[in-house]
N, C-alpha and C. Protein backbone atom coordinates (compact mmCIF):
# COMPACT_ATOMS: atom_id res chain seq x y z
N UNK A 1 0.86 -1.16 -0.01
CA UNK A 1 -0.02 -0.08 0.03
C UNK A 1 0.87 1.24 -0.03
N UNK A 2 0.21 2.36 -0.01
CA UNK A 2 1.02 3.62 -0.05
C UNK A 2 0.66 4.39 1.16
N UNK A 3 1.20 5.55 1.29
CA UNK A 3 0.87 6.45 2.30
C UNK A 3 -0.65 6.81 2.36
N UNK A 4 -1.18 7.03 3.54
CA UNK A 4 -2.62 7.31 3.64
C UNK A 4 -2.84 8.68 3.01
N UNK A 5 -4.00 8.86 2.65
CA UNK A 5 -4.44 10.18 2.05
C UNK A 5 -5.55 10.77 2.96
N UNK A 6 -5.70 12.07 2.91
CA UNK A 6 -6.87 12.76 3.55
C UNK A 6 -8.07 12.63 2.67
N UNK A 7 -9.08 12.01 3.19
CA UNK A 7 -10.28 11.80 2.36
C UNK A 7 -11.46 12.64 2.99
N UNK A 8 -12.30 13.15 2.12
CA UNK A 8 -13.47 13.96 2.51
C UNK A 8 -14.62 12.96 2.71
N UNK A 9 -15.18 12.84 3.86
CA UNK A 9 -16.34 11.97 4.00
C UNK A 9 -17.48 12.43 3.12
N UNK A 10 -17.83 13.69 3.17
CA UNK A 10 -18.72 14.30 2.20
C UNK A 10 -17.84 15.05 1.30
N UNK A 11 -17.76 14.66 0.04
CA UNK A 11 -16.80 15.27 -0.83
C UNK A 11 -17.18 16.81 -1.06
N UNK A 12 -16.12 17.55 -1.36
CA UNK A 12 -16.29 19.00 -1.70
C UNK A 12 -17.32 19.17 -2.79
N UNK A 13 -17.26 18.28 -3.76
CA UNK A 13 -18.19 18.34 -4.93
C UNK A 13 -19.62 18.19 -4.51
N UNK A 14 -19.87 17.65 -3.26
CA UNK A 14 -21.23 17.39 -2.78
C UNK A 14 -21.44 18.27 -1.51
N UNK A 15 -20.91 19.46 -1.54
CA UNK A 15 -21.12 20.43 -0.44
C UNK A 15 -20.38 20.05 0.84
N UNK A 16 -19.39 19.21 0.78
CA UNK A 16 -18.53 18.95 1.90
C UNK A 16 -17.65 20.11 2.18
N UNK A 17 -16.86 20.00 3.28
CA UNK A 17 -15.93 21.08 3.59
C UNK A 17 -14.54 20.45 4.08
N UNK A 18 -13.65 21.32 4.47
CA UNK A 18 -12.33 20.93 4.89
C UNK A 18 -12.22 20.89 6.42
N UNK A 19 -13.34 20.91 7.14
CA UNK A 19 -13.32 20.86 8.51
C UNK A 19 -12.97 19.48 9.02
N UNK A 20 -12.25 19.41 10.19
CA UNK A 20 -11.75 18.09 10.64
C UNK A 20 -12.87 17.03 10.82
N UNK A 21 -14.08 17.50 11.16
CA UNK A 21 -15.13 16.50 11.32
C UNK A 21 -15.55 15.86 9.96
N UNK A 22 -15.08 16.39 8.84
CA UNK A 22 -15.42 15.84 7.56
C UNK A 22 -14.22 15.16 6.89
N UNK A 23 -13.07 15.05 7.61
CA UNK A 23 -11.85 14.42 7.10
C UNK A 23 -11.53 13.14 7.80
N UNK A 24 -10.84 12.25 7.02
CA UNK A 24 -10.48 10.94 7.55
C UNK A 24 -9.31 10.47 6.76
N UNK A 25 -8.50 9.64 7.26
CA UNK A 25 -7.37 9.03 6.54
C UNK A 25 -7.85 7.78 5.82
N UNK A 26 -7.47 7.66 4.57
CA UNK A 26 -7.88 6.47 3.76
C UNK A 26 -6.66 6.09 2.92
N UNK A 27 -6.66 4.77 2.60
CA UNK A 27 -5.62 4.32 1.68
C UNK A 27 -5.98 4.81 0.29
N UNK A 28 -5.00 4.99 -0.62
CA UNK A 28 -5.27 5.48 -1.90
C UNK A 28 -6.23 4.62 -2.73
N UNK A 29 -6.21 3.35 -2.47
CA UNK A 29 -7.10 2.39 -3.22
C UNK A 29 -8.54 2.70 -2.87
N UNK A 30 -8.81 2.80 -1.54
CA UNK A 30 -10.22 3.06 -1.11
C UNK A 30 -10.67 4.44 -1.53
N UNK A 31 -9.76 5.39 -1.38
CA UNK A 31 -10.08 6.82 -1.65
C UNK A 31 -10.45 6.89 -3.20
N UNK A 32 -9.71 6.21 -4.05
CA UNK A 32 -9.98 6.26 -5.47
C UNK A 32 -11.41 5.67 -5.74
N UNK A 33 -11.71 4.51 -5.09
CA UNK A 33 -13.02 3.91 -5.38
C UNK A 33 -14.11 4.76 -4.84
N UNK A 34 -13.92 5.39 -3.66
CA UNK A 34 -14.90 6.25 -3.01
C UNK A 34 -15.25 7.43 -3.88
N UNK A 35 -14.20 8.07 -4.33
CA UNK A 35 -14.37 9.26 -5.29
C UNK A 35 -15.29 10.28 -4.60
N UNK A 36 -16.43 10.61 -5.27
CA UNK A 36 -17.32 11.50 -4.75
C UNK A 36 -18.62 10.87 -4.17
N UNK A 37 -18.55 9.53 -3.99
CA UNK A 37 -19.76 8.79 -3.51
C UNK A 37 -20.03 9.08 -2.02
N UNK A 38 -21.25 9.13 -1.72
CA UNK A 38 -21.78 9.23 -0.30
C UNK A 38 -22.75 8.07 -0.05
N UNK A 39 -23.20 7.42 -1.13
CA UNK A 39 -24.13 6.33 -1.01
C UNK A 39 -23.69 5.23 -1.88
N UNK A 40 -24.21 4.04 -1.55
CA UNK A 40 -23.99 2.82 -2.31
C UNK A 40 -25.13 1.88 -2.32
N UNK A 41 -25.08 0.88 -3.14
CA UNK A 41 -26.15 -0.08 -3.19
C UNK A 41 -25.84 -1.25 -2.31
N UNK A 42 -26.84 -1.63 -1.38
CA UNK A 42 -26.68 -2.84 -0.61
C UNK A 42 -26.90 -4.00 -1.61
N UNK A 43 -25.88 -4.89 -1.78
CA UNK A 43 -26.09 -5.97 -2.71
C UNK A 43 -27.13 -6.93 -2.28
N UNK A 44 -27.44 -7.03 -1.01
CA UNK A 44 -28.43 -8.01 -0.49
C UNK A 44 -29.86 -7.50 -0.70
N UNK A 45 -30.13 -6.20 -0.57
CA UNK A 45 -31.46 -5.69 -0.68
C UNK A 45 -31.74 -4.88 -1.93
N UNK A 46 -30.63 -4.38 -2.56
CA UNK A 46 -30.77 -3.50 -3.71
C UNK A 46 -31.06 -2.05 -3.42
N UNK A 47 -31.13 -1.79 -2.07
CA UNK A 47 -31.48 -0.41 -1.65
C UNK A 47 -30.25 0.49 -1.66
N UNK A 48 -30.51 1.77 -1.92
CA UNK A 48 -29.41 2.75 -1.84
C UNK A 48 -29.28 3.20 -0.34
N UNK A 49 -28.09 3.12 0.19
CA UNK A 49 -27.88 3.52 1.58
C UNK A 49 -26.67 4.34 1.68
N UNK A 50 -26.51 5.13 2.73
CA UNK A 50 -25.29 5.92 3.01
C UNK A 50 -24.08 4.97 3.19
N UNK A 51 -22.90 5.47 2.76
CA UNK A 51 -21.68 4.76 2.99
C UNK A 51 -21.26 4.89 4.47
N UNK A 52 -20.50 4.00 4.98
CA UNK A 52 -20.02 4.06 6.35
C UNK A 52 -19.29 5.42 6.60
N UNK A 53 -19.58 5.96 7.72
CA UNK A 53 -18.88 7.26 8.20
C UNK A 53 -18.04 6.90 9.39
N UNK A 54 -16.74 6.88 9.22
CA UNK A 54 -15.92 6.51 10.37
C UNK A 54 -15.91 7.50 11.55
N UNK A 55 -16.38 8.73 11.29
CA UNK A 55 -16.47 9.73 12.31
C UNK A 55 -17.68 9.54 13.20
N UNK A 56 -18.69 8.94 12.71
CA UNK A 56 -19.97 8.78 13.53
C UNK A 56 -20.45 7.33 13.73
N UNK A 57 -19.77 6.31 13.04
CA UNK A 57 -20.17 5.02 13.18
C UNK A 57 -19.06 4.11 13.66
N UNK A 58 -19.43 2.95 14.29
CA UNK A 58 -18.49 2.00 14.85
C UNK A 58 -18.22 0.90 13.83
N UNK A 59 -16.97 0.75 13.47
CA UNK A 59 -16.49 -0.19 12.42
C UNK A 59 -17.08 -1.63 12.73
N UNK A 60 -16.93 -2.09 13.96
CA UNK A 60 -17.30 -3.48 14.25
C UNK A 60 -18.76 -3.72 14.25
N UNK A 61 -19.58 -2.61 14.22
CA UNK A 61 -21.01 -2.78 14.10
C UNK A 61 -21.42 -3.12 12.64
N UNK A 62 -20.57 -2.75 11.71
CA UNK A 62 -20.93 -2.79 10.32
C UNK A 62 -20.06 -3.80 9.50
N UNK A 63 -18.94 -4.24 10.05
CA UNK A 63 -18.01 -5.04 9.31
C UNK A 63 -17.35 -6.14 10.23
N UNK A 64 -16.79 -7.18 9.57
CA UNK A 64 -15.85 -8.10 10.29
C UNK A 64 -14.90 -8.60 9.22
N UNK A 65 -13.79 -9.16 9.77
CA UNK A 65 -12.80 -9.75 8.94
C UNK A 65 -13.04 -11.30 8.66
N UNK A 66 -12.80 -11.79 7.53
CA UNK A 66 -12.87 -13.22 7.28
C UNK A 66 -11.79 -13.86 8.12
N UNK A 67 -11.89 -15.18 8.40
CA UNK A 67 -10.98 -15.87 9.25
C UNK A 67 -9.52 -15.77 8.76
N UNK A 68 -9.30 -15.67 7.51
CA UNK A 68 -7.92 -15.55 6.97
C UNK A 68 -7.35 -14.15 7.06
N UNK A 69 -8.24 -13.20 7.42
CA UNK A 69 -7.87 -11.79 7.53
C UNK A 69 -7.69 -11.02 6.27
N UNK A 70 -8.14 -11.55 5.16
CA UNK A 70 -7.95 -10.92 3.89
C UNK A 70 -9.11 -10.06 3.45
N UNK A 71 -10.27 -10.48 3.75
CA UNK A 71 -11.51 -9.79 3.28
C UNK A 71 -12.32 -9.15 4.39
N UNK A 72 -12.97 -8.08 4.09
CA UNK A 72 -13.85 -7.43 4.98
C UNK A 72 -15.23 -7.85 4.47
N UNK A 73 -16.12 -8.15 5.47
CA UNK A 73 -17.48 -8.53 5.14
C UNK A 73 -18.48 -7.47 5.83
N UNK A 74 -19.43 -7.04 5.09
CA UNK A 74 -20.39 -6.08 5.63
C UNK A 74 -21.50 -6.87 6.34
N UNK A 75 -21.83 -6.35 7.56
CA UNK A 75 -22.90 -7.03 8.42
C UNK A 75 -24.20 -6.37 8.25
N UNK A 76 -24.17 -5.11 7.81
CA UNK A 76 -25.37 -4.23 7.74
C UNK A 76 -25.53 -3.75 6.31
N UNK A 77 -26.68 -3.15 5.99
CA UNK A 77 -26.80 -2.51 4.64
C UNK A 77 -25.65 -1.57 4.41
N UNK A 78 -25.30 -0.69 5.39
CA UNK A 78 -24.24 0.30 5.19
C UNK A 78 -22.95 -0.42 4.99
N UNK A 79 -22.68 -1.48 5.84
CA UNK A 79 -21.41 -2.19 5.65
C UNK A 79 -21.26 -2.89 4.34
N UNK A 80 -22.41 -3.59 3.90
CA UNK A 80 -22.40 -4.22 2.60
C UNK A 80 -22.25 -3.34 1.43
N UNK A 81 -22.90 -2.15 1.47
CA UNK A 81 -22.77 -1.19 0.38
C UNK A 81 -21.38 -0.62 0.35
N UNK A 82 -20.76 -0.34 1.49
CA UNK A 82 -19.47 0.23 1.60
C UNK A 82 -18.42 -0.78 1.02
N UNK A 83 -18.54 -2.07 1.41
CA UNK A 83 -17.58 -3.07 0.93
C UNK A 83 -17.62 -3.14 -0.57
N UNK A 84 -18.93 -3.13 -1.12
CA UNK A 84 -19.04 -3.14 -2.59
C UNK A 84 -18.53 -1.99 -3.27
N UNK A 85 -18.94 -0.73 -2.78
CA UNK A 85 -18.53 0.55 -3.43
C UNK A 85 -17.04 0.77 -3.37
N UNK A 86 -16.40 0.39 -2.32
CA UNK A 86 -14.92 0.68 -2.13
C UNK A 86 -14.06 -0.55 -2.48
N UNK A 87 -14.74 -1.63 -2.96
CA UNK A 87 -14.03 -2.86 -3.40
C UNK A 87 -13.10 -3.29 -2.25
N UNK A 88 -13.66 -3.34 -1.00
CA UNK A 88 -12.84 -3.61 0.18
C UNK A 88 -12.41 -5.12 0.17
N UNK A 89 -13.08 -5.95 -0.55
CA UNK A 89 -12.85 -7.42 -0.49
C UNK A 89 -12.47 -7.99 -1.83
N UNK A 90 -12.36 -7.19 -2.83
CA UNK A 90 -12.07 -7.78 -4.15
C UNK A 90 -11.04 -7.01 -4.96
N UNK A 91 -10.40 -6.01 -4.37
CA UNK A 91 -9.25 -5.33 -5.05
C UNK A 91 -8.05 -6.14 -4.89
N UNK A 92 -7.47 -6.62 -5.93
CA UNK A 92 -6.31 -7.53 -5.94
C UNK A 92 -5.16 -6.95 -5.22
N UNK A 93 -4.80 -5.62 -5.34
CA UNK A 93 -3.72 -4.98 -4.67
C UNK A 93 -3.95 -5.00 -3.13
N UNK A 94 -5.15 -4.58 -2.73
CA UNK A 94 -5.39 -4.61 -1.25
C UNK A 94 -5.34 -6.01 -0.68
N UNK A 95 -5.87 -7.04 -1.37
CA UNK A 95 -5.75 -8.37 -0.82
C UNK A 95 -4.32 -8.85 -0.71
N UNK A 96 -3.52 -8.48 -1.77
CA UNK A 96 -2.06 -8.81 -1.70
C UNK A 96 -1.37 -8.24 -0.43
N UNK A 97 -1.61 -6.96 -0.25
CA UNK A 97 -0.97 -6.27 0.85
C UNK A 97 -1.43 -6.90 2.17
N UNK A 98 -2.69 -7.12 2.29
CA UNK A 98 -3.22 -7.71 3.54
C UNK A 98 -2.63 -9.13 3.73
N UNK A 99 -2.32 -9.84 2.69
CA UNK A 99 -1.73 -11.17 2.85
C UNK A 99 -0.36 -11.07 3.46
N UNK A 100 0.41 -10.01 3.09
CA UNK A 100 1.70 -9.84 3.74
C UNK A 100 1.56 -9.40 5.13
N UNK A 101 0.55 -8.54 5.49
CA UNK A 101 0.34 -8.17 6.85
C UNK A 101 0.00 -9.41 7.71
N UNK A 102 -0.81 -10.31 7.12
CA UNK A 102 -1.10 -11.60 7.88
C UNK A 102 0.10 -12.38 8.12
N UNK A 103 0.94 -12.54 7.16
CA UNK A 103 2.23 -13.36 7.25
C UNK A 103 3.08 -12.71 8.34
N UNK A 104 3.10 -11.38 8.43
CA UNK A 104 3.94 -10.64 9.35
C UNK A 104 3.36 -10.67 10.79
N UNK A 105 2.07 -11.11 10.89
CA UNK A 105 1.44 -11.14 12.20
C UNK A 105 0.82 -9.88 12.60
N UNK A 106 0.66 -8.90 11.70
CA UNK A 106 0.15 -7.58 12.00
C UNK A 106 -1.43 -7.52 11.76
N UNK A 107 -1.97 -8.63 11.22
CA UNK A 107 -3.37 -8.49 10.70
C UNK A 107 -4.00 -9.82 10.86
N UNK A 108 -5.30 -9.89 11.06
CA UNK A 108 -6.28 -8.84 11.25
C UNK A 108 -6.22 -8.25 12.66
N UNK A 109 -6.71 -7.06 12.83
CA UNK A 109 -6.61 -6.48 14.16
C UNK A 109 -7.51 -7.20 15.18
N UNK A 110 -7.23 -7.12 16.44
CA UNK A 110 -7.91 -7.82 17.49
C UNK A 110 -9.38 -7.38 17.54
N UNK A 111 -9.56 -6.04 17.42
CA UNK A 111 -10.96 -5.55 17.48
C UNK A 111 -11.06 -4.23 16.71
């Protein structure tokens, strides 16, 4: 992976701002896929839902790691839509990097 980037939770293009409450660190892969999205499609229900907001939502309520530590699985409509929209479990580069983290014993996180 590369250095983390500052990501706008609500993109400037969609009336977001540069205030700290709207900023988060993201890997370049996720940030590229997110682009100016604020919503995604829940693949289970087909409904449009808001993407995960790390400033106001708890990661473990919406996601979990597969046993091998390589893929992120969405537990809720928001989680599933975010996994799909940001390609959290099917981007080859992200999966490769995570595999190295697993080998090194750095991943998956405990909680």
